[in-house]
Amino acid sequence: MPVDEAILTPVINLLDLLGVAIFALSGALLAAKERQTFVTMGFFALVTGVGGGTIRDLLIDAPVFWVADAWVAVICLGTALIAWLTPTRWWDGELLDYADGAGLTAYAVLGSAKAMSYGIPPIPAVLMGIITGCAGGIIRDVVAGRPSIIMRPELYVTAAALSAGLCVAGTLANAPDGVTWVVAAAAGFLLRSAAIRWNLALPSYREGREGLDDI
């Protein structure tokens, strides 16, 4: 049976807002680099910030989080305003990639934890975490007409899957929620950070076939 939003702890709520803000910033910056208007930047910030969580809430039959909490939209539009008022060069480099990784894994933990709290079975709950972490960026890229990160072999979805999987595993093991969430988010973030630092990637289909042919 679904549980009331009020039982979710402040840690989960903080992860939610952190993920929203970071993803909203990435959406706004993409619009800024395309020299779009503030309205377009605000739209990209909102879609990117709430996209994954919206799909998750619809799938688990929960109230859509940003409709019930007006502060979420305020955070998205405020982030867009920050991007509007600052040069895009301030955000260039790997810093935003690492911040995006933090938002990705925090959101993956949030999605899985919320799904479990609504009685979703473990495997679908892991998928809800992955969707929560990745769907906003996918929507952003599709709307912008550019290749999505999921079409590249670098470890991105894998990091979200690791965080979501550890979150669900910790919940099933009756580990303390706070410890589970922190460990799950940290593990995914370390994997994503390693992928950024050393260009780690999964083998593509062609490379996999060549490896099999050599056996």
N, C-alpha and C. Protein backbone atom coordinates (compact mmCIF):
# COMPACT_ATOMS: atom_id res chain seq x y z
N MET A 1 0.85 -1.19 0.00
CA MET A 1 0.00 0.00 0.00
C MET A 1 0.89 1.24 0.00
N PRO A 2 0.58 2.26 -0.83
CA PRO A 2 1.39 3.46 -0.83
C PRO A 2 1.46 4.11 0.53
N VAL A 3 2.59 4.72 0.83
CA VAL A 3 2.74 5.44 2.09
C VAL A 3 2.73 6.93 1.82
N ASP A 4 2.44 7.68 2.86
CA ASP A 4 2.36 9.13 2.71
C ASP A 4 3.76 9.71 2.54
N GLU A 5 3.84 10.78 1.73
CA GLU A 5 5.12 11.43 1.47
C GLU A 5 5.79 11.91 2.76
N ALA A 6 5.00 12.20 3.78
CA ALA A 6 5.55 12.79 5.00
C ALA A 6 6.48 11.82 5.73
N ILE A 7 6.40 10.52 5.46
CA ILE A 7 7.26 9.59 6.19
C ILE A 7 8.67 9.54 5.61
N LEU A 8 8.85 10.07 4.40
CA LEU A 8 10.19 10.08 3.81
C LEU A 8 11.05 11.05 4.62
N THR A 9 12.26 10.63 4.92
CA THR A 9 13.10 11.37 5.84
C THR A 9 13.69 12.62 5.20
N PRO A 10 14.21 13.54 6.04
CA PRO A 10 14.87 14.73 5.50
C PRO A 10 16.05 14.40 4.59
N VAL A 11 16.70 13.26 4.83
CA VAL A 11 17.83 12.89 3.96
C VAL A 11 17.34 12.66 2.54
N ILE A 12 16.28 11.90 2.38
CA ILE A 12 15.72 11.66 1.06
C ILE A 12 15.25 12.96 0.42
N ASN A 13 14.63 13.83 1.20
CA ASN A 13 14.18 15.11 0.66
C ASN A 13 15.36 15.96 0.20
N LEU A 14 16.46 15.91 0.94
CA LEU A 14 17.65 16.65 0.54
C LEU A 14 18.23 16.10 -0.75
N LEU A 15 18.27 14.77 -0.87
CA LEU A 15 18.73 14.14 -2.11
C LEU A 15 17.85 14.57 -3.28
N ASP A 16 16.56 14.65 -3.04
CA ASP A 16 15.62 15.06 -4.07
C ASP A 16 15.95 16.46 -4.58
N LEU A 17 16.09 17.41 -3.67
CA LEU A 17 16.37 18.79 -4.06
C LEU A 17 17.74 18.94 -4.71
N LEU A 18 18.72 18.17 -4.21
CA LEU A 18 20.05 18.20 -4.80
C LEU A 18 20.00 17.72 -6.24
N GLY A 19 19.32 16.61 -6.47
CA GLY A 19 19.21 16.10 -7.84
C GLY A 19 18.48 17.07 -8.75
N VAL A 20 17.39 17.64 -8.26
CA VAL A 20 16.63 18.61 -9.06
C VAL A 20 17.51 19.79 -9.45
N ALA A 21 18.23 20.36 -8.49
CA ALA A 21 19.03 21.56 -8.76
C ALA A 21 20.14 21.28 -9.76
N ILE A 22 20.83 20.15 -9.60
CA ILE A 22 21.96 19.85 -10.49
C ILE A 22 21.47 19.56 -11.90
N PHE A 23 20.42 18.77 -12.02
CA PHE A 23 19.91 18.47 -13.35
C PHE A 23 19.29 19.70 -14.00
N ALA A 24 18.63 20.52 -13.21
CA ALA A 24 18.08 21.76 -13.75
C ALA A 24 19.19 22.66 -14.29
N LEU A 25 20.30 22.71 -13.57
CA LEU A 25 21.44 23.51 -14.04
C LEU A 25 21.98 22.98 -15.36
N SER A 26 22.08 21.67 -15.49
CA SER A 26 22.61 21.12 -16.74
C SER A 26 21.68 21.44 -17.90
N GLY A 27 20.37 21.40 -17.66
CA GLY A 27 19.43 21.75 -18.71
C GLY A 27 19.51 23.22 -19.09
N ALA A 28 19.58 24.09 -18.10
CA ALA A 28 19.67 25.52 -18.36
C ALA A 28 20.95 25.88 -19.10
N LEU A 29 22.05 25.24 -18.73
CA LEU A 29 23.33 25.53 -19.39
C LEU A 29 23.33 25.08 -20.83
N LEU A 30 22.67 23.97 -21.11
CA LEU A 30 22.58 23.53 -22.51
C LEU A 30 21.85 24.57 -23.34
N ALA A 31 20.75 25.11 -22.81
CA ALA A 31 20.01 26.15 -23.51
C ALA A 31 20.85 27.42 -23.64
N ALA A 32 21.63 27.73 -22.59
CA ALA A 32 22.47 28.93 -22.64
C ALA A 32 23.53 28.82 -23.73
N LYS A 33 24.14 27.64 -23.84
CA LYS A 33 25.18 27.45 -24.86
C LYS A 33 24.60 27.50 -26.27
N GLU A 34 23.30 27.27 -26.37
CA GLU A 34 22.62 27.38 -27.66
C GLU A 34 22.08 28.80 -27.89
N ARG A 35 22.39 29.71 -26.96
CA ARG A 35 21.99 31.12 -27.05
C ARG A 35 20.46 31.27 -27.11
N GLN A 36 19.77 30.53 -26.22
CA GLN A 36 18.32 30.58 -26.19
C GLN A 36 17.84 31.67 -25.22
N THR A 37 16.54 31.93 -25.22
CA THR A 37 15.95 32.93 -24.34
C THR A 37 15.84 32.37 -22.92
N PHE A 38 15.53 33.26 -21.98
CA PHE A 38 15.36 32.81 -20.60
C PHE A 38 14.17 31.86 -20.47
N VAL A 39 13.13 32.09 -21.26
CA VAL A 39 11.97 31.19 -21.21
C VAL A 39 12.39 29.77 -21.59
N THR A 40 13.19 29.67 -22.65
CA THR A 40 13.67 28.35 -23.07
C THR A 40 14.59 27.75 -22.01
N MET A 41 15.43 28.56 -21.40
CA MET A 41 16.31 28.06 -20.35
C MET A 41 15.50 27.54 -19.17
N GLY A 42 14.44 28.29 -18.80
CA GLY A 42 13.59 27.85 -17.71
C GLY A 42 12.89 26.55 -18.04
N PHE A 43 12.45 26.41 -19.29
CA PHE A 43 11.79 25.18 -19.71
C PHE A 43 12.76 24.00 -19.63
N PHE A 44 13.97 24.18 -20.14
CA PHE A 44 14.97 23.11 -20.09
C PHE A 44 15.32 22.75 -18.65
N ALA A 45 15.44 23.75 -17.81
CA ALA A 45 15.76 23.50 -16.40
C ALA A 45 14.66 22.67 -15.74
N LEU A 46 13.40 23.04 -16.00
CA LEU A 46 12.28 22.34 -15.39
C LEU A 46 12.16 20.91 -15.91
N VAL A 47 12.23 20.75 -17.23
CA VAL A 47 12.08 19.42 -17.82
C VAL A 47 13.20 18.49 -17.36
N THR A 48 14.42 19.01 -17.33
CA THR A 48 15.55 18.18 -16.93
C THR A 48 15.51 17.88 -15.43
N GLY A 49 15.12 18.87 -14.64
CA GLY A 49 15.11 18.69 -13.20
C GLY A 49 14.05 17.74 -12.70
N VAL A 50 12.88 17.74 -13.33
CA VAL A 50 11.77 16.93 -12.79
C VAL A 50 11.38 15.77 -13.68
N GLY A 51 12.01 15.64 -14.85
CA GLY A 51 11.59 14.63 -15.81
C GLY A 51 11.62 13.21 -15.26
N GLY A 52 12.76 12.82 -14.69
CA GLY A 52 12.89 11.46 -14.17
C GLY A 52 11.95 11.19 -13.02
N GLY A 53 11.84 12.13 -12.10
CA GLY A 53 10.97 11.95 -10.95
C GLY A 53 9.50 11.91 -11.35
N THR A 54 9.14 12.66 -12.39
CA THR A 54 7.75 12.65 -12.85
C THR A 54 7.38 11.28 -13.41
N ILE A 55 8.25 10.72 -14.24
CA ILE A 55 7.98 9.39 -14.80
C ILE A 55 7.89 8.36 -13.68
N ARG A 56 8.80 8.44 -12.72
CA ARG A 56 8.79 7.52 -11.58
C ARG A 56 7.46 7.59 -10.82
N ASP A 57 7.04 8.80 -10.50
CA ASP A 57 5.81 8.96 -9.70
C ASP A 57 4.59 8.46 -10.46
N LEU A 58 4.55 8.69 -11.76
CA LEU A 58 3.42 8.20 -12.54
C LEU A 58 3.41 6.67 -12.58
N LEU A 59 4.59 6.06 -12.66
CA LEU A 59 4.67 4.60 -12.75
C LEU A 59 4.34 3.91 -11.43
N ILE A 60 4.69 4.56 -10.30
CA ILE A 60 4.43 3.91 -9.01
C ILE A 60 3.13 4.42 -8.38
N ASP A 61 2.38 5.19 -9.14
CA ASP A 61 1.07 5.70 -8.69
C ASP A 61 1.21 6.56 -7.44
N ALA A 62 2.19 7.46 -7.48
CA ALA A 62 2.40 8.41 -6.39
C ALA A 62 2.04 9.82 -6.86
N PRO A 63 1.71 10.73 -5.96
CA PRO A 63 1.50 12.12 -6.37
C PRO A 63 2.79 12.67 -7.01
N VAL A 64 2.64 13.32 -8.14
CA VAL A 64 3.82 13.86 -8.83
C VAL A 64 4.47 14.91 -7.93
N PHE A 65 5.72 14.65 -7.57
CA PHE A 65 6.36 15.38 -6.47
C PHE A 65 6.42 16.88 -6.67
N TRP A 66 6.67 17.33 -7.89
CA TRP A 66 6.87 18.77 -8.08
C TRP A 66 5.54 19.51 -8.21
N VAL A 67 4.46 18.78 -8.46
CA VAL A 67 3.13 19.39 -8.47
C VAL A 67 2.67 19.63 -7.04
N ALA A 68 3.02 18.68 -6.15
CA ALA A 68 2.63 18.80 -4.75
C ALA A 68 3.51 19.76 -3.97
N ASP A 69 4.72 20.03 -4.47
CA ASP A 69 5.66 20.90 -3.76
C ASP A 69 6.10 22.03 -4.69
N ALA A 70 5.55 23.20 -4.47
CA ALA A 70 5.83 24.33 -5.36
C ALA A 70 7.29 24.75 -5.34
N TRP A 71 8.02 24.41 -4.26
CA TRP A 71 9.41 24.82 -4.17
C TRP A 71 10.28 24.17 -5.24
N VAL A 72 9.88 23.02 -5.73
CA VAL A 72 10.68 22.34 -6.76
C VAL A 72 10.76 23.18 -8.03
N ALA A 73 9.63 23.68 -8.48
CA ALA A 73 9.62 24.53 -9.67
C ALA A 73 10.41 25.82 -9.41
N VAL A 74 10.30 26.34 -8.19
CA VAL A 74 11.06 27.55 -7.85
C VAL A 74 12.56 27.28 -7.94
N ILE A 75 13.00 26.12 -7.46
CA ILE A 75 14.41 25.75 -7.53
C ILE A 75 14.86 25.65 -8.99
N CYS A 76 14.05 25.03 -9.83
CA CYS A 76 14.40 24.90 -11.24
C CYS A 76 14.53 26.27 -11.92
N LEU A 77 13.56 27.13 -11.70
CA LEU A 77 13.59 28.45 -12.32
C LEU A 77 14.69 29.31 -11.72
N GLY A 78 14.93 29.16 -10.42
CA GLY A 78 16.04 29.90 -9.80
C GLY A 78 17.37 29.46 -10.35
N THR A 79 17.52 28.17 -10.61
CA THR A 79 18.75 27.66 -11.20
C THR A 79 18.92 28.20 -12.62
N ALA A 80 17.83 28.26 -13.36
CA ALA A 80 17.88 28.84 -14.70
C ALA A 80 18.31 30.30 -14.64
N LEU A 81 17.83 31.03 -13.63
CA LEU A 81 18.22 32.44 -13.47
C LEU A 81 19.72 32.56 -13.19
N ILE A 82 20.25 31.66 -12.37
CA ILE A 82 21.69 31.67 -12.10
C ILE A 82 22.46 31.45 -13.39
N ALA A 83 22.02 30.47 -14.19
CA ALA A 83 22.69 30.21 -15.46
C ALA A 83 22.57 31.41 -16.40
N TRP A 84 21.44 32.09 -16.36
CA TRP A 84 21.22 33.26 -17.22
C TRP A 84 22.16 34.41 -16.86
N LEU A 85 22.44 34.56 -15.58
CA LEU A 85 23.22 35.70 -15.11
C LEU A 85 24.73 35.43 -15.07
N THR A 86 25.16 34.23 -15.37
CA THR A 86 26.58 33.90 -15.29
C THR A 86 27.10 33.45 -16.65
N PRO A 87 28.37 33.72 -16.94
CA PRO A 87 28.96 33.25 -18.21
C PRO A 87 29.02 31.72 -18.23
N THR A 88 28.77 31.13 -19.39
CA THR A 88 28.80 29.67 -19.48
C THR A 88 30.19 29.11 -19.21
N ARG A 89 31.25 29.94 -19.42
CA ARG A 89 32.61 29.45 -19.18
C ARG A 89 32.84 29.12 -17.71
N TRP A 90 32.04 29.71 -16.82
CA TRP A 90 32.17 29.39 -15.40
C TRP A 90 31.86 27.93 -15.15
N TRP A 91 31.04 27.35 -16.00
CA TRP A 91 30.56 25.99 -15.78
C TRP A 91 31.23 24.97 -16.68
N ASP A 92 32.19 25.42 -17.50
CA ASP A 92 32.88 24.49 -18.38
C ASP A 92 33.83 23.60 -17.60
N GLY A 93 34.26 22.52 -18.22
CA GLY A 93 35.21 21.62 -17.58
C GLY A 93 34.51 20.47 -16.88
N GLU A 94 35.28 19.76 -16.07
CA GLU A 94 34.78 18.54 -15.47
C GLU A 94 33.97 18.77 -14.20
N LEU A 95 34.00 19.99 -13.65
CA LEU A 95 33.27 20.24 -12.41
C LEU A 95 31.79 19.92 -12.57
N LEU A 96 31.18 20.38 -13.67
CA LEU A 96 29.77 20.11 -13.88
C LEU A 96 29.52 18.62 -14.10
N ASP A 97 30.48 17.93 -14.73
CA ASP A 97 30.34 16.49 -14.92
C ASP A 97 30.29 15.77 -13.58
N TYR A 98 31.16 16.19 -12.67
CA TYR A 98 31.15 15.57 -11.33
C TYR A 98 29.87 15.92 -10.57
N ALA A 99 29.43 17.16 -10.71
CA ALA A 99 28.18 17.55 -10.06
C ALA A 99 27.01 16.77 -10.63
N ASP A 100 27.01 16.58 -11.94
CA ASP A 100 25.97 15.80 -12.58
C ASP A 100 26.00 14.36 -12.07
N GLY A 101 27.22 13.82 -11.86
CA GLY A 101 27.35 12.47 -11.32
C GLY A 101 26.77 12.37 -9.92
N ALA A 102 26.98 13.41 -9.12
CA ALA A 102 26.41 13.43 -7.77
C ALA A 102 24.88 13.47 -7.82
N GLY A 103 24.35 14.29 -8.71
CA GLY A 103 22.91 14.35 -8.86
C GLY A 103 22.34 13.05 -9.40
N LEU A 104 23.04 12.44 -10.34
CA LEU A 104 22.61 11.17 -10.92
C LEU A 104 22.45 10.09 -9.85
N THR A 105 23.47 9.92 -9.03
CA THR A 105 23.43 8.85 -8.03
C THR A 105 22.50 9.18 -6.86
N ALA A 106 22.44 10.46 -6.49
CA ALA A 106 21.49 10.85 -5.44
C ALA A 106 20.06 10.59 -5.90
N TYR A 107 19.78 10.92 -7.14
CA TYR A 107 18.44 10.72 -7.69
C TYR A 107 18.12 9.24 -7.84
N ALA A 108 19.13 8.43 -8.19
CA ALA A 108 18.92 6.99 -8.32
C ALA A 108 18.54 6.38 -6.96
N VAL A 109 19.23 6.83 -5.91
CA VAL A 109 18.91 6.36 -4.56
C VAL A 109 17.50 6.82 -4.18
N LEU A 110 17.20 8.07 -4.45
CA LEU A 110 15.87 8.59 -4.14
C LEU A 110 14.78 7.79 -4.83
N GLY A 111 14.98 7.53 -6.12
CA GLY A 111 13.96 6.82 -6.89
C GLY A 111 13.70 5.43 -6.36
N SER A 112 14.77 4.71 -6.05
CA SER A 112 14.61 3.35 -5.53
C SER A 112 13.99 3.35 -4.14
N ALA A 113 14.46 4.25 -3.27
CA ALA A 113 13.92 4.32 -1.92
C ALA A 113 12.44 4.67 -1.93
N LYS A 114 12.06 5.60 -2.76
CA LYS A 114 10.65 5.99 -2.83
C LYS A 114 9.81 4.85 -3.39
N ALA A 115 10.32 4.17 -4.42
CA ALA A 115 9.59 3.05 -4.99
C ALA A 115 9.38 1.95 -3.96
N MET A 116 10.42 1.64 -3.19
CA MET A 116 10.30 0.61 -2.15
C MET A 116 9.28 1.03 -1.10
N SER A 117 9.25 2.32 -0.76
CA SER A 117 8.30 2.80 0.24
C SER A 117 6.87 2.70 -0.24
N TYR A 118 6.67 2.64 -1.55
CA TYR A 118 5.33 2.48 -2.12
C TYR A 118 5.01 1.02 -2.42
N GLY A 119 5.82 0.11 -1.91
CA GLY A 119 5.52 -1.30 -2.05
C GLY A 119 5.92 -1.91 -3.38
N ILE A 120 6.78 -1.22 -4.14
CA ILE A 120 7.23 -1.75 -5.43
C ILE A 120 8.24 -2.87 -5.17
N PRO A 121 8.16 -4.00 -5.88
CA PRO A 121 9.12 -5.09 -5.69
C PRO A 121 10.55 -4.67 -6.01
N PRO A 122 11.55 -5.43 -5.53
CA PRO A 122 12.95 -5.00 -5.64
C PRO A 122 13.44 -4.68 -7.05
N ILE A 123 13.24 -5.57 -8.00
CA ILE A 123 13.79 -5.32 -9.34
C ILE A 123 13.13 -4.11 -9.99
N PRO A 124 11.80 -3.99 -10.01
CA PRO A 124 11.22 -2.75 -10.53
C PRO A 124 11.67 -1.52 -9.75
N ALA A 125 11.93 -1.67 -8.45
CA ALA A 125 12.39 -0.53 -7.66
C ALA A 125 13.77 -0.07 -8.14
N VAL A 126 14.64 -1.01 -8.48
CA VAL A 126 15.95 -0.65 -9.04
C VAL A 126 15.75 0.11 -10.35
N LEU A 127 14.85 -0.37 -11.18
CA LEU A 127 14.58 0.30 -12.45
C LEU A 127 14.01 1.70 -12.24
N MET A 128 13.19 1.87 -11.20
CA MET A 128 12.66 3.19 -10.90
C MET A 128 13.80 4.15 -10.52
N GLY A 129 14.81 3.62 -9.81
CA GLY A 129 15.96 4.44 -9.48
C GLY A 129 16.73 4.86 -10.72
N ILE A 130 16.92 3.93 -11.64
CA ILE A 130 17.63 4.25 -12.88
C ILE A 130 16.85 5.27 -13.69
N ILE A 131 15.55 5.07 -13.81
CA ILE A 131 14.72 6.02 -14.55
C ILE A 131 14.76 7.40 -13.91
N THR A 132 14.67 7.44 -12.59
CA THR A 132 14.70 8.73 -11.89
C THR A 132 16.01 9.47 -12.16
N GLY A 133 17.12 8.73 -12.17
CA GLY A 133 18.42 9.36 -12.37
C GLY A 133 18.70 9.77 -13.81
N CYS A 134 18.17 9.00 -14.77
CA CYS A 134 18.60 9.19 -16.16
C CYS A 134 17.57 9.86 -17.07
N ALA A 135 16.29 9.71 -16.76
CA ALA A 135 15.26 10.13 -17.73
C ALA A 135 15.26 11.63 -17.99
N GLY A 136 15.53 12.45 -16.96
CA GLY A 136 15.54 13.89 -17.18
C GLY A 136 16.58 14.31 -18.20
N GLY A 137 17.78 13.75 -18.09
CA GLY A 137 18.84 14.06 -19.06
C GLY A 137 18.51 13.57 -20.46
N ILE A 138 17.84 12.42 -20.53
CA ILE A 138 17.45 11.89 -21.84
C ILE A 138 16.44 12.81 -22.50
N ILE A 139 15.44 13.25 -21.72
CA ILE A 139 14.45 14.19 -22.26
C ILE A 139 15.12 15.47 -22.72
N ARG A 140 16.05 15.98 -21.91
CA ARG A 140 16.79 17.21 -22.26
C ARG A 140 17.49 17.04 -23.61
N ASP A 141 18.18 15.94 -23.79
CA ASP A 141 18.95 15.73 -25.02
C ASP A 141 18.05 15.55 -26.22
N VAL A 142 16.93 14.84 -26.04
CA VAL A 142 16.01 14.64 -27.15
C VAL A 142 15.40 15.96 -27.60
N VAL A 143 14.96 16.76 -26.63
CA VAL A 143 14.37 18.07 -26.97
C VAL A 143 15.40 18.97 -27.64
N ALA A 144 16.66 18.87 -27.20
CA ALA A 144 17.72 19.70 -27.78
C ALA A 144 18.21 19.17 -29.12
N GLY A 145 17.78 17.95 -29.47
CA GLY A 145 18.19 17.38 -30.75
C GLY A 145 19.64 16.95 -30.80
N ARG A 146 20.14 16.48 -29.66
CA ARG A 146 21.53 16.01 -29.65
C ARG A 146 21.57 14.58 -29.13
N PRO A 147 22.66 13.83 -29.47
CA PRO A 147 22.74 12.44 -29.03
C PRO A 147 22.72 12.35 -27.50
N SER A 148 21.92 11.44 -26.98
CA SER A 148 21.82 11.26 -25.54
C SER A 148 23.04 10.52 -25.00
N ILE A 149 23.34 10.76 -23.73
CA ILE A 149 24.48 10.11 -23.11
C ILE A 149 24.30 8.59 -23.05
N ILE A 150 23.05 8.12 -23.08
CA ILE A 150 22.85 6.67 -23.03
C ILE A 150 23.25 6.00 -24.35
N MET A 151 23.48 6.81 -25.39
CA MET A 151 23.94 6.26 -26.66
C MET A 151 25.45 6.21 -26.74
N ARG A 152 26.12 6.57 -25.65
CA ARG A 152 27.58 6.48 -25.60
C ARG A 152 27.97 5.40 -24.58
N PRO A 153 29.14 4.76 -24.78
CA PRO A 153 29.48 3.62 -23.92
C PRO A 153 29.98 3.98 -22.53
N GLU A 154 30.19 5.27 -22.25
CA GLU A 154 30.77 5.62 -20.95
C GLU A 154 29.84 5.22 -19.80
N LEU A 155 30.44 5.00 -18.64
CA LEU A 155 29.68 4.51 -17.49
C LEU A 155 28.83 5.63 -16.90
N TYR A 156 27.58 5.63 -17.23
CA TYR A 156 26.63 6.63 -16.73
C TYR A 156 25.41 5.93 -16.15
N VAL A 157 24.67 5.24 -17.00
CA VAL A 157 23.54 4.46 -16.52
C VAL A 157 24.02 3.40 -15.53
N THR A 158 25.21 2.85 -15.78
CA THR A 158 25.77 1.83 -14.89
C THR A 158 25.95 2.37 -13.48
N ALA A 159 26.38 3.62 -13.36
CA ALA A 159 26.56 4.22 -12.03
C ALA A 159 25.21 4.38 -11.33
N ALA A 160 24.19 4.78 -12.08
CA ALA A 160 22.85 4.89 -11.51
C ALA A 160 22.34 3.52 -11.07
N ALA A 161 22.62 2.50 -11.88
CA ALA A 161 22.18 1.15 -11.55
C ALA A 161 22.86 0.64 -10.28
N LEU A 162 24.15 0.96 -10.13
CA LEU A 162 24.87 0.55 -8.93
C LEU A 162 24.26 1.18 -7.68
N SER A 163 24.00 2.48 -7.73
CA SER A 163 23.40 3.15 -6.58
C SER A 163 22.02 2.61 -6.27
N ALA A 164 21.20 2.45 -7.31
CA ALA A 164 19.85 1.94 -7.11
C ALA A 164 19.88 0.52 -6.56
N GLY A 165 20.76 -0.32 -7.10
CA GLY A 165 20.86 -1.70 -6.64
C GLY A 165 21.29 -1.81 -5.19
N LEU A 166 22.28 -1.01 -4.81
CA LEU A 166 22.74 -1.03 -3.43
C LEU A 166 21.67 -0.50 -2.48
N CYS A 167 20.93 0.48 -2.92
CA CYS A 167 19.85 1.01 -2.09
C CYS A 167 18.81 -0.07 -1.80
N VAL A 168 18.40 -0.75 -2.84
CA VAL A 168 17.40 -1.81 -2.68
C VAL A 168 17.96 -2.95 -1.84
N ALA A 169 19.23 -3.33 -2.09
CA ALA A 169 19.84 -4.42 -1.33
C ALA A 169 19.93 -4.07 0.15
N GLY A 170 20.31 -2.85 0.44
CA GLY A 170 20.41 -2.42 1.84
C GLY A 170 19.05 -2.41 2.52
N THR A 171 18.02 -2.01 1.79
CA THR A 171 16.67 -2.01 2.35
C THR A 171 16.20 -3.43 2.64
N LEU A 172 16.47 -4.34 1.71
CA LEU A 172 16.07 -5.74 1.92
C LEU A 172 16.82 -6.38 3.08
N ALA A 173 18.06 -5.91 3.32
CA ALA A 173 18.86 -6.44 4.42
C ALA A 173 18.54 -5.77 5.74
N ASN A 174 17.57 -4.86 5.73
CA ASN A 174 17.17 -4.12 6.93
C ASN A 174 18.30 -3.29 7.52
N ALA A 175 19.20 -2.82 6.66
CA ALA A 175 20.26 -1.92 7.11
C ALA A 175 19.64 -0.55 7.42
N PRO A 176 20.26 0.23 8.29
CA PRO A 176 19.74 1.57 8.58
C PRO A 176 19.60 2.40 7.30
N ASP A 177 18.47 3.07 7.18
CA ASP A 177 18.21 3.81 5.94
C ASP A 177 19.31 4.83 5.62
N GLY A 178 19.70 5.61 6.62
CA GLY A 178 20.70 6.65 6.38
C GLY A 178 22.01 6.06 5.86
N VAL A 179 22.45 4.98 6.47
CA VAL A 179 23.70 4.33 6.03
C VAL A 179 23.54 3.79 4.62
N THR A 180 22.41 3.13 4.36
CA THR A 180 22.16 2.56 3.03
C THR A 180 22.20 3.63 1.96
N TRP A 181 21.51 4.74 2.20
CA TRP A 181 21.43 5.79 1.18
C TRP A 181 22.79 6.42 0.92
N VAL A 182 23.54 6.69 1.99
CA VAL A 182 24.85 7.33 1.82
C VAL A 182 25.81 6.40 1.09
N VAL A 183 25.85 5.14 1.52
CA VAL A 183 26.77 4.18 0.88
C VAL A 183 26.39 3.97 -0.58
N ALA A 184 25.10 3.84 -0.86
CA ALA A 184 24.65 3.61 -2.23
C ALA A 184 24.99 4.79 -3.13
N ALA A 185 24.71 6.00 -2.66
CA ALA A 185 25.01 7.19 -3.46
C ALA A 185 26.51 7.36 -3.64
N ALA A 186 27.29 7.10 -2.59
CA ALA A 186 28.75 7.26 -2.68
C ALA A 186 29.35 6.26 -3.64
N ALA A 187 28.88 5.02 -3.61
CA ALA A 187 29.43 3.99 -4.49
C ALA A 187 29.18 4.35 -5.96
N GLY A 188 27.97 4.76 -6.26
CA GLY A 188 27.67 5.16 -7.64
C GLY A 188 28.47 6.37 -8.07
N PHE A 189 28.61 7.33 -7.15
CA PHE A 189 29.37 8.54 -7.49
C PHE A 189 30.85 8.21 -7.73
N LEU A 190 31.42 7.32 -6.93
CA LEU A 190 32.81 6.94 -7.15
C LEU A 190 32.99 6.26 -8.50
N LEU A 191 32.04 5.42 -8.88
CA LEU A 191 32.13 4.78 -10.19
C LEU A 191 32.02 5.80 -11.31
N ARG A 192 31.08 6.73 -11.19
CA ARG A 192 30.92 7.77 -12.21
C ARG A 192 32.16 8.67 -12.27
N SER A 193 32.71 8.99 -11.10
CA SER A 193 33.92 9.83 -11.06
C SER A 193 35.09 9.13 -11.72
N ALA A 194 35.23 7.83 -11.47
CA ALA A 194 36.31 7.06 -12.11
C ALA A 194 36.12 7.05 -13.63
N ALA A 195 34.88 6.95 -14.07
CA ALA A 195 34.62 6.96 -15.51
C ALA A 195 34.99 8.30 -16.13
N ILE A 196 34.72 9.40 -15.41
CA ILE A 196 35.09 10.73 -15.90
C ILE A 196 36.61 10.89 -15.91
N ARG A 197 37.25 10.44 -14.85
CA ARG A 197 38.70 10.64 -14.70
C ARG A 197 39.50 9.80 -15.68
N TRP A 198 39.09 8.55 -15.87
CA TRP A 198 39.89 7.63 -16.69
C TRP A 198 39.17 7.17 -17.95
N ASN A 199 38.09 7.84 -18.31
CA ASN A 199 37.34 7.51 -19.52
C ASN A 199 36.93 6.04 -19.57
N LEU A 200 36.43 5.54 -18.45
CA LEU A 200 36.00 4.16 -18.40
C LEU A 200 34.70 4.00 -19.18
N ALA A 201 34.59 2.90 -19.89
CA ALA A 201 33.41 2.66 -20.71
C ALA A 201 33.16 1.17 -20.84
N LEU A 202 31.90 0.81 -21.08
CA LEU A 202 31.55 -0.56 -21.37
C LEU A 202 31.91 -0.88 -22.82
N PRO A 203 32.23 -2.14 -23.12
CA PRO A 203 32.52 -2.50 -24.52
C PRO A 203 31.27 -2.37 -25.37
N SER A 204 31.44 -1.87 -26.58
CA SER A 204 30.31 -1.79 -27.50
C SER A 204 30.04 -3.15 -28.11
N TYR A 205 28.93 -3.26 -28.82
CA TYR A 205 28.56 -4.54 -29.42
C TYR A 205 29.63 -5.04 -30.37
N ARG A 206 30.17 -4.16 -31.22
CA ARG A 206 31.18 -4.56 -32.19
C ARG A 206 32.42 -5.08 -31.48
N GLU A 207 32.86 -4.36 -30.42
CA GLU A 207 34.05 -4.80 -29.69
C GLU A 207 33.81 -6.14 -29.02
N GLY A 208 32.59 -6.33 -28.50
CA GLY A 208 32.27 -7.59 -27.86
C GLY A 208 32.32 -8.75 -28.85
N ARG A 209 31.79 -8.50 -30.08
CA ARG A 209 31.81 -9.56 -31.09
C ARG A 209 33.24 -9.89 -31.51
N GLU A 210 34.08 -8.87 -31.61
CA GLU A 210 35.47 -9.13 -31.99
C GLU A 210 36.17 -9.95 -30.91
N GLY A 211 35.82 -9.64 -29.63
CA GLY A 211 36.42 -10.40 -28.55
C GLY A 211 35.99 -11.86 -28.61
N LEU A 212 34.74 -12.11 -28.95
CA LEU A 212 34.26 -13.49 -29.06
C LEU A 212 34.90 -14.20 -30.22
N ASP A 213 35.12 -13.46 -31.31
CA ASP A 213 35.73 -14.10 -32.48
C ASP A 213 37.15 -14.53 -32.21
N ASP A 214 37.81 -13.87 -31.24
CA ASP A 214 39.20 -14.22 -30.94
C ASP A 214 39.30 -15.44 -30.05
N ILE A 215 38.19 -15.85 -29.44
CA ILE A 215 38.25 -16.99 -28.54
C ILE A 215 38.40 -18.31 -29.32
